[in-house]
Amino acid sequence: MKRKKFISTAKDVINLEIKALQKLKKNINNSFNKAVIEIAKCQSKVILCGVGKSGLIASKIAATLSSVGTPSFNLSAGDSSHGDLGSISKKDILILISNSGQTHELKNIIQYALRNKILLIGIVSKKDSLLYKSADIKLLMPQVKESEGIVPTSSTTIQLALGDALAIATMKYKKFDKFDFKKIHPAGSLGAQLKTVEDVMVKNKDVPFVNENLIMKKALKILSEKKLGILIVRDKKKSIKGIISDGDIRRFNQKGKPIQSLKVKEIMTKNPISVDKNCLAAQALSIMTNKKITSLCVYENKKKQKTVGVVHIHNILNNDIS
């Protein structure tokens, strides 16, 4: 019976927060557009600040904005009155988060912003508050019911959701794409999944290129030296004509025919599968898996006949990409 009561409590809390989010959704207006445009145009930093739970939300929003290309950091409301106001420049944008808009610790920050003409965005739920009246851009939060009537839950949920919406809208406005995202997320599983074929491919002298008229006896030496298990076949104009894999050679040998004196073009598989160098490595792995092959030719600038590299399935797996 007690367990059922806990489940009921959990559902009640979640339902309150869902209702709060629905209210927030209805509250989004043109002030949101103004905020996104100003944040995207900012040539300096976006500084977020709140008190208590709102301060924790400010920290998370700052981290999200930074992760999608808008340099941001969280300012401690308590420390701001003891020298940290000096970290705010006139070119910065200041976002203050407060449910009541009357929090004592924010008053000095608001006054500093007004004196120095620093653009102030207020995320607040009360129109009669100092923050709402002082903000250049007012993002009004709906009045919501908290869990047990007192615990900051629904209010912080909508603050967080609005921050996420600001970050994603700003990202889209700035056309910040997956390649930009990759640059600031180089480590961890996320960084691995954002790696492109170019990041892991074999290139330059390591690519096992052979001419289509080369005798297989010599080609086999190159196959052994490069240790990729494939040969990339080109004509005299260096256009790709085909590929030879270990498997192709084994299958040919099973027919009992001598291979040493044959030309490469007599053994090769024509029209090898290729991908653009900007293709995600994870996508390349999917192609190899579906086609039951171990390597792909890599091209750039839509020039499929000019291979600039080769990606082997081991290159991808060794980078913890799956």
C-alpha atoms as a PDB file:
ATOM      1  CA  MET A   1       0.000   0.000   0.000  1.00  0.00           C
ATOM      2  CA  LYS A   2       2.815   2.433   0.854  1.00  0.00           C
ATOM      3  CA  ARG A   3       4.477   1.791  -2.503  1.00  0.00           C
ATOM      4  CA  LYS A   4       1.251   2.700  -4.291  1.00  0.00           C
ATOM      5  CA  LYS A   5       1.149   5.966  -2.351  1.00  0.00           C
ATOM      6  CA  PHE A   6       4.664   6.835  -3.526  1.00  0.00           C
ATOM      7  CA  ILE A   7       3.695   6.140  -7.117  1.00  0.00           C
ATOM      8  CA  SER A   8       0.641   8.340  -6.706  1.00  0.00           C
ATOM      9  CA  THR A   9       2.829  11.152  -5.343  1.00  0.00           C
ATOM     10  CA  ALA A  10       5.215  10.834  -8.278  1.00  0.00           C
ATOM     11  CA  LYS A  11       2.359  11.072 -10.763  1.00  0.00           C
ATOM     12  CA  ASP A  12       0.909  14.094  -8.951  1.00  0.00           C
ATOM     13  CA  VAL A  13       4.230  15.944  -9.136  1.00  0.00           C
ATOM     14  CA  ILE A  14       4.665  15.109 -12.803  1.00  0.00           C
ATOM     15  CA  ASN A  15       1.100  16.144 -13.619  1.00  0.00           C
ATOM     16  CA  LEU A  16       1.653  19.504 -11.927  1.00  0.00           C
ATOM     17  CA  GLU A  17       4.776  20.054 -14.004  1.00  0.00           C
ATOM     18  CA  ILE A  18       3.029  19.022 -17.224  1.00  0.00           C
ATOM     19  CA  LYS A  19       0.288  21.561 -16.525  1.00  0.00           C
ATOM     20  CA  ALA A  20       2.953  24.192 -15.839  1.00  0.00           C
ATOM     21  CA  LEU A  21       4.653  23.444 -19.157  1.00  0.00           C
ATOM     22  CA  GLN A  22       1.331  23.700 -20.970  1.00  0.00           C
ATOM     23  CA  LYS A  23       0.817  27.138 -19.423  1.00  0.00           C
ATOM     24  CA  LEU A  24       4.324  28.141 -20.459  1.00  0.00           C
ATOM     25  CA  LYS A  25       3.663  27.047 -24.016  1.00  0.00           C
ATOM     26  CA  LYS A  26       0.644  29.368 -24.207  1.00  0.00           C
ATOM     27  CA  ASN A  27       2.689  32.238 -22.752  1.00  0.00           C
ATOM     28  CA  ILE A  28       5.395  32.258 -25.451  1.00  0.00           C
ATOM     29  CA  ASN A  29       5.066  35.501 -27.423  1.00  0.00           C
ATOM     30  CA  ASN A  30       7.091  37.988 -29.460  1.00  0.00           C
ATOM     31  CA  SER A  31       9.313  38.778 -26.476  1.00  0.00           C
ATOM     32  CA  PHE A  32      10.810  35.324 -26.988  1.00  0.00           C
ATOM     33  CA  ASN A  33      11.711  36.244 -30.588  1.00  0.00           C
ATOM     34  CA  LYS A  34      13.348  39.457 -29.400  1.00  0.00           C
ATOM     35  CA  ALA A  35      15.385  37.584 -26.797  1.00  0.00           C
ATOM     36  CA  VAL A  36      16.625  35.028 -29.348  1.00  0.00           C
ATOM     37  CA  ILE A  37      17.689  37.710 -31.822  1.00  0.00           C
ATOM     38  CA  GLU A  38      19.562  39.696 -29.163  1.00  0.00           C
ATOM     39  CA  ILE A  39      21.311  36.592 -27.800  1.00  0.00           C
ATOM     40  CA  ALA A  40      22.320  35.532 -31.316  1.00  0.00           C
ATOM     41  CA  LYS A  41      23.663  39.018 -32.087  1.00  0.00           C
ATOM     42  CA  CYS A  42      25.681  39.244 -28.868  1.00  0.00           C
ATOM     43  CA  GLN A  43      29.363  39.820 -29.665  1.00  0.00           C
ATOM     44  CA  SER A  44      30.476  39.194 -26.095  1.00  0.00           C
ATOM     45  CA  LYS A  45      29.092  36.920 -23.362  1.00  0.00           C
ATOM     46  CA  VAL A  46      25.649  35.942 -22.125  1.00  0.00           C
ATOM     47  CA  ILE A  47      25.601  36.014 -18.326  1.00  0.00           C
ATOM     48  CA  LEU A  48      22.895  34.236 -16.356  1.00  0.00           C
ATOM     49  CA  CYS A  49      22.064  34.686 -12.713  1.00  0.00           C
ATOM     50  CA  GLY A  50      19.455  33.552 -10.252  1.00  0.00           C
ATOM     51  CA  VAL A  51      19.100  32.904  -6.535  1.00  0.00           C
ATOM     52  CA  GLY A  52      18.611  29.514  -4.907  1.00  0.00           C
ATOM     53  CA  LYS A  53      16.978  26.954  -7.205  1.00  0.00           C
ATOM     54  CA  SER A  54      16.766  29.584  -9.953  1.00  0.00           C
ATOM     55  CA  GLY A  55      20.534  29.960  -9.672  1.00  0.00           C
ATOM     56  CA  LEU A  56      20.960  26.247 -10.386  1.00  0.00           C
ATOM     57  CA  ILE A  57      18.695  26.586 -13.422  1.00  0.00           C
ATOM     58  CA  ALA A  58      20.762  29.592 -14.577  1.00  0.00           C
ATOM     59  CA  SER A  59      23.900  27.456 -14.412  1.00  0.00           C
ATOM     60  CA  LYS A  60      22.343  24.736 -16.560  1.00  0.00           C
ATOM     61  CA  ILE A  61      21.033  27.205 -19.162  1.00  0.00           C
ATOM     62  CA  ALA A  62      24.472  28.835 -19.382  1.00  0.00           C
ATOM     63  CA  ALA A  63      26.048  25.439 -19.991  1.00  0.00           C
ATOM     64  CA  THR A  64      23.513  24.615 -22.709  1.00  0.00           C
ATOM     65  CA  LEU A  65      23.983  27.954 -24.470  1.00  0.00           C
ATOM     66  CA  SER A  66      27.769  27.509 -24.414  1.00  0.00           C
ATOM     67  CA  SER A  67      27.447  23.990 -25.807  1.00  0.00           C
ATOM     68  CA  VAL A  68      25.594  25.263 -28.873  1.00  0.00           C
ATOM     69  CA  GLY A  69      27.921  28.119 -29.726  1.00  0.00           C
ATOM     70  CA  THR A  70      26.870  31.032 -27.501  1.00  0.00           C
ATOM     71  CA  PRO A  71      29.587  31.762 -24.888  1.00  0.00           C
ATOM     72  CA  SER A  72      27.793  31.971 -21.553  1.00  0.00           C
ATOM     73  CA  PHE A  73      28.474  31.602 -17.857  1.00  0.00           C
ATOM     74  CA  ASN A  74      26.618  31.652 -14.562  1.00  0.00           C
ATOM     75  CA  LEU A  75      27.170  34.545 -12.148  1.00  0.00           C
ATOM     76  CA  SER A  76      26.760  33.934  -8.419  1.00  0.00           C
ATOM     77  CA  ALA A  77      24.145  36.347  -7.119  1.00  0.00           C
ATOM     78  CA  GLY A  78      25.752  36.377  -3.682  1.00  0.00           C
ATOM     79  CA  ASP A  79      29.280  37.062  -4.953  1.00  0.00           C
ATOM     80  CA  SER A  80      28.177  39.714  -7.446  1.00  0.00           C
ATOM     81  CA  SER A  81      27.899  42.357  -4.732  1.00  0.00           C
ATOM     82  CA  HIS A  82      31.410  41.563  -3.548  1.00  0.00           C
ATOM     83  CA  GLY A  83      33.322  42.295  -6.738  1.00  0.00           C
ATOM     84  CA  ASP A  84      31.947  39.877  -9.324  1.00  0.00           C
ATOM     85  CA  LEU A  85      29.893  42.613 -10.979  1.00  0.00           C
ATOM     86  CA  GLY A  86      33.208  43.515 -12.564  1.00  0.00           C
ATOM     87  CA  SER A  87      32.922  40.410 -14.744  1.00  0.00           C
ATOM     88  CA  ILE A  88      30.003  41.990 -16.624  1.00  0.00           C
ATOM     89  CA  SER A  89      30.931  44.230 -19.574  1.00  0.00           C
ATOM     90  CA  LYS A  90      28.722  46.677 -21.470  1.00  0.00           C
ATOM     91  CA  LYS A  91      28.647  44.380 -24.514  1.00  0.00           C
ATOM     92  CA  ASP A  92      27.322  41.445 -22.506  1.00  0.00           C
ATOM     93  CA  ILE A  93      23.719  40.335 -22.208  1.00  0.00           C
ATOM     94  CA  LEU A  94      22.444  39.704 -18.704  1.00  0.00           C
ATOM     95  CA  ILE A  95      19.656  37.186 -18.088  1.00  0.00           C
ATOM     96  CA  LEU A  96      18.203  37.262 -14.590  1.00  0.00           C
ATOM     97  CA  ILE A  97      15.911  34.463 -13.412  1.00  0.00           C
ATOM     98  CA  SER A  98      13.582  34.931 -10.470  1.00  0.00           C
ATOM     99  CA  ASN A  99      10.113  33.598  -9.818  1.00  0.00           C
ATOM    100  CA  SER A 100       9.135  36.592  -7.695  1.00  0.00           C
ATOM    101  CA  GLY A 101      11.367  39.166  -9.379  1.00  0.00           C
ATOM    102  CA  GLN A 102      11.909  40.778  -5.999  1.00  0.00           C
ATOM    103  CA  THR A 103      14.794  38.686  -4.663  1.00  0.00           C
ATOM    104  CA  HIS A 104      17.043  40.953  -2.588  1.00  0.00           C
ATOM    105  CA  GLU A 105      20.321  39.595  -3.994  1.00  0.00           C
ATOM    106  CA  LEU A 106      19.316  40.582  -7.547  1.00  0.00           C
ATOM    107  CA  LYS A 107      18.641  44.267  -6.808  1.00  0.00           C
ATOM    108  CA  ASN A 108      22.301  45.325  -6.980  1.00  0.00           C
ATOM    109  CA  ILE A 109      22.740  43.441 -10.243  1.00  0.00           C
ATOM    110  CA  ILE A 110      19.652  45.091 -11.755  1.00  0.00           C
ATOM    111  CA  GLN A 111      20.870  48.544 -10.702  1.00  0.00           C
ATOM    112  CA  TYR A 112      24.321  47.833 -12.144  1.00  0.00           C
ATOM    113  CA  ALA A 113      22.773  46.786 -15.468  1.00  0.00           C
ATOM    114  CA  LEU A 114      20.610  49.912 -15.611  1.00  0.00           C
ATOM    115  CA  ARG A 115      23.504  52.248 -14.784  1.00  0.00           C
ATOM    116  CA  ASN A 116      25.763  50.712 -17.433  1.00  0.00           C
ATOM    117  CA  LYS A 117      23.063  50.216 -20.067  1.00  0.00           C
ATOM    118  CA  ILE A 118      23.615  46.469 -20.198  1.00  0.00           C
ATOM    119  CA  LEU A 119      20.849  44.619 -22.029  1.00  0.00           C
ATOM    120  CA  LEU A 120      18.745  42.900 -19.394  1.00  0.00           C
ATOM    121  CA  ILE A 121      16.462  39.951 -20.083  1.00  0.00           C
ATOM    122  CA  GLY A 122      14.167  39.061 -17.195  1.00  0.00           C
ATOM    123  CA  ILE A 123      12.664  35.610 -16.696  1.00  0.00           C
ATOM    124  CA  VAL A 124      10.039  36.324 -14.051  1.00  0.00           C
ATOM    125  CA  SER A 125       6.447  35.487 -13.093  1.00  0.00           C
ATOM    126  CA  LYS A 126       5.234  38.746 -11.509  1.00  0.00           C
ATOM    127  CA  LYS A 127       4.520  41.916 -13.489  1.00  0.00           C
ATOM    128  CA  ASP A 128       4.657  44.170 -10.445  1.00  0.00           C
ATOM    129  CA  SER A 129       8.208  43.126  -9.602  1.00  0.00           C
ATOM    130  CA  LEU A 130      11.420  45.144  -9.882  1.00  0.00           C
ATOM    131  CA  LEU A 131      12.903  42.661 -12.366  1.00  0.00           C
ATOM    132  CA  TYR A 132       9.909  42.774 -14.700  1.00  0.00           C
ATOM    133  CA  LYS A 133       9.777  46.572 -14.680  1.00  0.00           C
ATOM    134  CA  SER A 134      13.537  46.912 -15.198  1.00  0.00           C
ATOM    135  CA  ALA A 135      14.070  44.304 -17.916  1.00  0.00           C
ATOM    136  CA  ASP A 136      14.580  45.402 -21.523  1.00  0.00           C
ATOM    137  CA  ILE A 137      13.065  42.113 -22.669  1.00  0.00           C
ATOM    138  CA  LYS A 138      10.466  40.573 -20.387  1.00  0.00           C
ATOM    139  CA  LEU A 139       9.908  36.810 -20.528  1.00  0.00           C
ATOM    140  CA  LEU A 140       6.868  36.408 -18.303  1.00  0.00           C
ATOM    141  CA  MET A 141       6.462  33.033 -16.654  1.00  0.00           C
ATOM    142  CA  PRO A 142       2.916  31.833 -15.878  1.00  0.00           C
ATOM    143  CA  GLN A 143       1.854  31.520 -12.261  1.00  0.00           C
ATOM    144  CA  VAL A 144       2.025  27.790 -11.504  1.00  0.00           C
ATOM    145  CA  LYS A 145       1.197  25.515  -8.607  1.00  0.00           C
ATOM    146  CA  GLU A 146       4.196  24.054  -6.766  1.00  0.00           C
ATOM    147  CA  SER A 147       4.322  20.574  -5.247  1.00  0.00           C
ATOM    148  CA  GLU A 148       2.805  20.635  -1.752  1.00  0.00           C
ATOM    149  CA  GLY A 149       2.131  24.305  -2.442  1.00  0.00           C
ATOM    150  CA  ILE A 150       5.633  25.424  -1.403  1.00  0.00           C
ATOM    151  CA  VAL A 151       8.429  23.341  -2.980  1.00  0.00           C
ATOM    152  CA  PRO A 152      10.016  24.972  -6.082  1.00  0.00           C
ATOM    153  CA  THR A 153       9.284  22.298  -8.685  1.00  0.00           C
ATOM    154  CA  SER A 154       6.856  23.478 -11.343  1.00  0.00           C
ATOM    155  CA  SER A 155       8.419  26.956 -11.454  1.00  0.00           C
ATOM    156  CA  THR A 156      11.953  25.622 -11.952  1.00  0.00           C
ATOM    157  CA  THR A 157      10.737  23.151 -14.571  1.00  0.00           C
ATOM    158  CA  ILE A 158       9.319  25.923 -16.748  1.00  0.00           C
ATOM    159  CA  GLN A 159      12.422  28.065 -16.205  1.00  0.00           C
ATOM    160  CA  LEU A 160      14.556  25.195 -17.441  1.00  0.00           C
ATOM    161  CA  ALA A 161      12.264  24.501 -20.404  1.00  0.00           C
ATOM    162  CA  LEU A 162      12.328  28.147 -21.448  1.00  0.00           C
ATOM    163  CA  GLY A 163      16.120  28.169 -21.223  1.00  0.00           C
ATOM    164  CA  ASP A 164      16.327  25.093 -23.428  1.00  0.00           C
ATOM    165  CA  ALA A 165      13.976  26.723 -25.926  1.00  0.00           C
ATOM    166  CA  LEU A 166      16.123  29.872 -26.003  1.00  0.00           C
ATOM    167  CA  ALA A 167      19.270  27.823 -26.581  1.00  0.00           C
ATOM    168  CA  ILE A 168      17.835  25.735 -29.419  1.00  0.00           C
ATOM    169  CA  ALA A 169      16.135  28.696 -31.116  1.00  0.00           C
ATOM    170  CA  THR A 170      19.374  30.687 -30.934  1.00  0.00           C
ATOM    171  CA  MET A 171      21.307  27.726 -32.324  1.00  0.00           C
ATOM    172  CA  LYS A 172      18.950  27.544 -35.311  1.00  0.00           C
ATOM    173  CA  TYR A 173      19.046  31.301 -35.847  1.00  0.00           C
ATOM    174  CA  LYS A 174      22.861  31.190 -35.977  1.00  0.00           C
ATOM    175  CA  LYS A 175      22.761  28.087 -38.223  1.00  0.00           C
ATOM    176  CA  PHE A 176      24.947  26.232 -35.760  1.00  0.00           C
ATOM    177  CA  ASP A 177      25.098  22.736 -37.268  1.00  0.00           C
ATOM    178  CA  LYS A 178      26.456  19.304 -36.340  1.00  0.00           C
ATOM    179  CA  PHE A 179      29.944  20.184 -37.576  1.00  0.00           C
ATOM    180  CA  ASP A 180      30.060  23.245 -35.319  1.00  0.00           C
ATOM    181  CA  PHE A 181      28.695  21.096 -32.504  1.00  0.00           C
ATOM    182  CA  LYS A 182      31.447  18.546 -33.022  1.00  0.00           C
ATOM    183  CA  LYS A 183      34.179  21.172 -32.574  1.00  0.00           C
ATOM    184  CA  ILE A 184      33.165  21.890 -28.989  1.00  0.00           C
ATOM    185  CA  HIS A 185      32.223  18.291 -28.109  1.00  0.00           C
ATOM    186  CA  PRO A 186      35.400  16.399 -29.095  1.00  0.00           C
ATOM    187  CA  ALA A 187      35.401  13.943 -26.187  1.00  0.00           C
ATOM    188  CA  GLY A 188      33.131  11.273 -24.796  1.00  0.00           C
ATOM    189  CA  SER A 189      30.461   9.208 -26.512  1.00  0.00           C
ATOM    190  CA  LEU A 190      28.793  12.304 -27.975  1.00  0.00           C
ATOM    191  CA  GLY A 191      32.044  13.413 -29.598  1.00  0.00           C
ATOM    192  CA  ALA A 192      32.544   9.909 -31.003  1.00  0.00           C
ATOM    193  CA  GLN A 193      29.086   9.835 -32.568  1.00  0.00           C
ATOM    194  CA  LEU A 194      29.733  13.216 -34.226  1.00  0.00           C
ATOM    195  CA  LYS A 195      32.968  12.148 -35.884  1.00  0.00           C
ATOM    196  CA  THR A 196      32.912  12.193 -39.653  1.00  0.00           C
ATOM    197  CA  VAL A 197      34.489   9.796 -42.111  1.00  0.00           C
ATOM    198  CA  GLU A 198      37.251  12.363 -42.673  1.00  0.00           C
ATOM    199  CA  ASP A 199      38.199  12.115 -38.988  1.00  0.00           C
ATOM    200  CA  VAL A 200      38.900   8.374 -39.145  1.00  0.00           C
ATOM    201  CA  MET A 201      39.765   7.574 -42.756  1.00  0.00           C
ATOM    202  CA  VAL A 202      43.100   6.443 -44.192  1.00  0.00           C
ATOM    203  CA  LYS A 203      44.471   9.031 -46.614  1.00  0.00           C
ATOM    204  CA  ASN A 204      47.413  10.163 -48.751  1.00  0.00           C
ATOM    205  CA  LYS A 205      50.208   7.575 -49.080  1.00  0.00           C
ATOM    206  CA  ASP A 206      48.398   5.069 -46.870  1.00  0.00           C
ATOM    207  CA  VAL A 207      45.627   4.542 -49.419  1.00  0.00           C
ATOM    208  CA  PRO A 208      46.337   1.329 -51.415  1.00  0.00           C
ATOM    209  CA  PHE A 209      45.940   2.748 -54.930  1.00  0.00           C
ATOM    210  CA  VAL A 210      46.814   0.559 -57.919  1.00  0.00           C
ATOM    211  CA  ASN A 211      46.512   1.102 -61.658  1.00  0.00           C
ATOM    212  CA  GLU A 212      43.912  -0.999 -63.436  1.00  0.00           C
ATOM    213  CA  ASN A 213      46.544  -2.480 -65.765  1.00  0.00           C
ATOM    214  CA  LEU A 214      48.945  -3.546 -63.000  1.00  0.00           C
ATOM    215  CA  ILE A 215      49.737  -7.255 -62.883  1.00  0.00           C
ATOM    216  CA  MET A 216      48.209  -8.970 -59.861  1.00  0.00           C
ATOM    217  CA  LYS A 217      51.570 -10.344 -58.739  1.00  0.00           C
ATOM    218  CA  LYS A 218      52.704  -6.780 -58.005  1.00  0.00           C
ATOM    219  CA  ALA A 219      49.295  -5.743 -56.746  1.00  0.00           C
ATOM    220  CA  LEU A 220      49.345  -8.487 -54.118  1.00  0.00           C
ATOM    221  CA  LYS A 221      52.582  -7.061 -52.701  1.00  0.00           C
ATOM    222  CA  ILE A 222      50.890  -3.677 -52.287  1.00  0.00           C
ATOM    223  CA  LEU A 223      47.909  -5.386 -50.661  1.00  0.00           C
ATOM    224  CA  SER A 224      50.260  -6.994 -48.143  1.00  0.00           C
ATOM    225  CA  GLU A 225      52.204  -3.761 -47.480  1.00  0.00           C
ATOM    226  CA  LYS A 226      49.165  -1.509 -46.885  1.00  0.00           C
ATOM    227  CA  LYS A 227      47.476  -4.042 -44.574  1.00  0.00           C
ATOM    228  CA  LEU A 228      43.946  -2.832 -45.251  1.00  0.00           C
ATOM    229  CA  GLY A 229      42.723  -5.939 -47.013  1.00  0.00           C
ATOM    230  CA  ILE A 230      41.707  -3.938 -50.102  1.00  0.00           C
ATOM    231  CA  LEU A 231      43.098  -2.301 -53.231  1.00  0.00           C
ATOM    232  CA  ILE A 232      41.579   0.819 -54.800  1.00  0.00           C
ATOM    233  CA  VAL A 233      41.779   0.584 -58.579  1.00  0.00           C
ATOM    234  CA  ARG A 234      42.290   3.694 -60.736  1.00  0.00           C
ATOM    235  CA  ASP A 235      42.854   4.418 -64.418  1.00  0.00           C
ATOM    236  CA  LYS A 236      45.656   6.604 -65.791  1.00  0.00           C
ATOM    237  CA  LYS A 237      43.555   9.718 -65.075  1.00  0.00           C
ATOM    238  CA  LYS A 238      43.318   8.623 -61.419  1.00  0.00           C
ATOM    239  CA  SER A 239      39.586   8.080 -61.658  1.00  0.00           C
ATOM    240  CA  ILE A 240      38.218   5.219 -59.571  1.00  0.00           C
ATOM    241  CA  LYS A 241      37.380   2.113 -61.569  1.00  0.00           C
ATOM    242  CA  GLY A 242      36.913  -0.518 -58.908  1.00  0.00           C
ATOM    243  CA  ILE A 243      38.016  -2.232 -55.712  1.00  0.00           C
ATOM    244  CA  ILE A 244      39.646  -5.542 -54.851  1.00  0.00           C
ATOM    245  CA  SER A 245      39.193  -7.129 -51.457  1.00  0.00           C
ATOM    246  CA  ASP A 246      40.715 -10.145 -49.780  1.00  0.00           C
ATOM    247  CA  GLY A 247      37.365 -11.814 -50.317  1.00  0.00           C
ATOM    248  CA  ASP A 248      37.462 -11.185 -54.090  1.00  0.00           C
ATOM    249  CA  ILE A 249      40.878 -12.841 -54.288  1.00  0.00           C
ATOM    250  CA  ARG A 250      39.806 -15.823 -52.211  1.00  0.00           C
ATOM    251  CA  ARG A 251      36.726 -16.379 -54.340  1.00  0.00           C
ATOM    252  CA  PHE A 252      38.782 -16.165 -57.534  1.00  0.00           C
ATOM    253  CA  ASN A 253      41.346 -18.629 -56.185  1.00  0.00           C
ATOM    254  CA  GLN A 254      38.578 -21.091 -55.340  1.00  0.00           C
ATOM    255  CA  LYS A 255      37.829 -21.335 -59.034  1.00  0.00           C
ATOM    256  CA  GLY A 256      41.296 -22.849 -59.500  1.00  0.00           C
ATOM    257  CA  LYS A 257      42.476 -20.212 -61.965  1.00  0.00           C
ATOM    258  CA  PRO A 258      45.982 -18.685 -61.738  1.00  0.00           C
ATOM    259  CA  ILE A 259      45.788 -15.081 -60.555  1.00  0.00           C
ATOM    260  CA  GLN A 260      49.394 -13.865 -60.553  1.00  0.00           C
ATOM    261  CA  SER A 261      49.568 -13.008 -64.264  1.00  0.00           C
ATOM    262  CA  LEU A 262      46.146 -11.370 -64.533  1.00  0.00           C
ATOM    263  CA  LYS A 263      45.613  -7.616 -64.661  1.00  0.00           C
ATOM    264  CA  VAL A 264      43.951  -5.872 -61.724  1.00  0.00           C
ATOM    265  CA  LYS A 265      40.935  -4.876 -63.812  1.00  0.00           C
ATOM    266  CA  GLU A 266      40.189  -8.548 -64.482  1.00  0.00           C
ATOM    267  CA  ILE A 267      39.739  -9.220 -60.764  1.00  0.00           C
ATOM    268  CA  MET A 268      38.245  -5.988 -59.444  1.00  0.00           C
ATOM    269  CA  THR A 269      34.647  -5.288 -58.466  1.00  0.00           C
ATOM    270  CA  LYS A 270      33.440  -2.295 -60.467  1.00  0.00           C
ATOM    271  CA  ASN A 271      31.709   0.800 -59.069  1.00  0.00           C
ATOM    272  CA  PRO A 272      32.764   0.569 -55.402  1.00  0.00           C
ATOM    273  CA  ILE A 273      30.466   2.104 -52.813  1.00  0.00           C
ATOM    274  CA  SER A 274      31.684   5.527 -51.699  1.00  0.00           C
ATOM    275  CA  VAL A 275      30.676   8.246 -49.230  1.00  0.00           C
ATOM    276  CA  ASP A 276      31.349  11.943 -48.834  1.00  0.00           C
ATOM    277  CA  LYS A 277      34.094  12.845 -46.354  1.00  0.00           C
ATOM    278  CA  ASN A 278      31.536  14.748 -44.260  1.00  0.00           C
ATOM    279  CA  CYS A 279      29.376  11.664 -43.789  1.00  0.00           C
ATOM    280  CA  LEU A 280      29.088  10.727 -40.117  1.00  0.00           C
ATOM    281  CA  ALA A 281      31.292   7.759 -39.285  1.00  0.00           C
ATOM    282  CA  ALA A 282      28.318   6.088 -37.586  1.00  0.00           C
ATOM    283  CA  GLN A 283      26.368   6.363 -40.823  1.00  0.00           C
ATOM    284  CA  ALA A 284      29.291   4.884 -42.778  1.00  0.00           C
ATOM    285  CA  LEU A 285      29.339   1.960 -40.335  1.00  0.00           C
ATOM    286  CA  SER A 286      25.632   1.403 -40.979  1.00  0.00           C
ATOM    287  CA  ILE A 287      26.234   1.338 -44.739  1.00  0.00           C
ATOM    288  CA  MET A 288      29.029  -1.220 -44.374  1.00  0.00           C
ATOM    289  CA  THR A 289      26.897  -3.373 -42.097  1.00  0.00           C
ATOM    290  CA  ASN A 290      23.913  -3.329 -44.467  1.00  0.00           C
ATOM    291  CA  LYS A 291      26.039  -3.970 -47.554  1.00  0.00           C
ATOM    292  CA  LYS A 292      28.147  -6.600 -45.761  1.00  0.00           C
ATOM    293  CA  ILE A 293      31.418  -4.925 -46.752  1.00  0.00           C
ATOM    294  CA  THR A 294      34.422  -3.766 -44.720  1.00  0.00           C
ATOM    295  CA  SER A 295      35.575  -0.615 -46.560  1.00  0.00           C
ATOM    296  CA  LEU A 296      34.252   2.465 -48.305  1.00  0.00           C
ATOM    297  CA  CYS A 297      35.917   4.872 -50.716  1.00  0.00           C
ATOM    298  CA  VAL A 298      35.757   8.511 -49.650  1.00  0.00           C
ATOM    299  CA  TYR A 299      35.283  11.490 -51.963  1.00  0.00           C
ATOM    300  CA  GLU A 300      34.867  15.244 -51.510  1.00  0.00           C
ATOM    301  CA  ASN A 301      32.979  18.041 -53.267  1.00  0.00           C
ATOM    302  CA  LYS A 302      30.668  15.569 -55.027  1.00  0.00           C
ATOM    303  CA  LYS A 303      33.572  14.217 -57.109  1.00  0.00           C
ATOM    304  CA  LYS A 304      32.790  10.538 -56.661  1.00  0.00           C
ATOM    305  CA  GLN A 305      35.379   9.457 -59.226  1.00  0.00           C
ATOM    306  CA  LYS A 306      38.244  10.966 -57.213  1.00  0.00           C
ATOM    307  CA  THR A 307      38.894   9.045 -54.017  1.00  0.00           C
ATOM    308  CA  VAL A 308      40.643  11.070 -51.286  1.00  0.00           C
ATOM    309  CA  GLY A 309      40.662   8.347 -48.674  1.00  0.00           C
ATOM    310  CA  VAL A 310      39.429   4.965 -47.538  1.00  0.00           C
ATOM    311  CA  VAL A 311      37.531   4.147 -44.360  1.00  0.00           C
ATOM    312  CA  HIS A 312      37.774   0.611 -43.019  1.00  0.00           C
ATOM    313  CA  ILE A 313      35.333  -0.781 -40.509  1.00  0.00           C
ATOM    314  CA  HIS A 314      38.193  -1.152 -38.015  1.00  0.00           C
ATOM    315  CA  ASN A 315      38.929   2.609 -38.288  1.00  0.00           C
ATOM    316  CA  ILE A 316      35.412   3.269 -37.044  1.00  0.00           C
ATOM    317  CA  LEU A 317      35.219   0.614 -34.351  1.00  0.00           C
ATOM    318  CA  ASN A 318      38.607   1.637 -32.963  1.00  0.00           C
ATOM    319  CA  ASN A 319      37.141   5.102 -32.341  1.00  0.00           C
ATOM    320  CA  ASP A 320      34.352   3.663 -30.163  1.00  0.00           C
ATOM    321  CA  ILE A 321      31.719   4.456 -32.776  1.00  0.00           C
ATOM    322  CA  SER A 322      28.776   2.100 -33.002  1.00  0.00           C
END
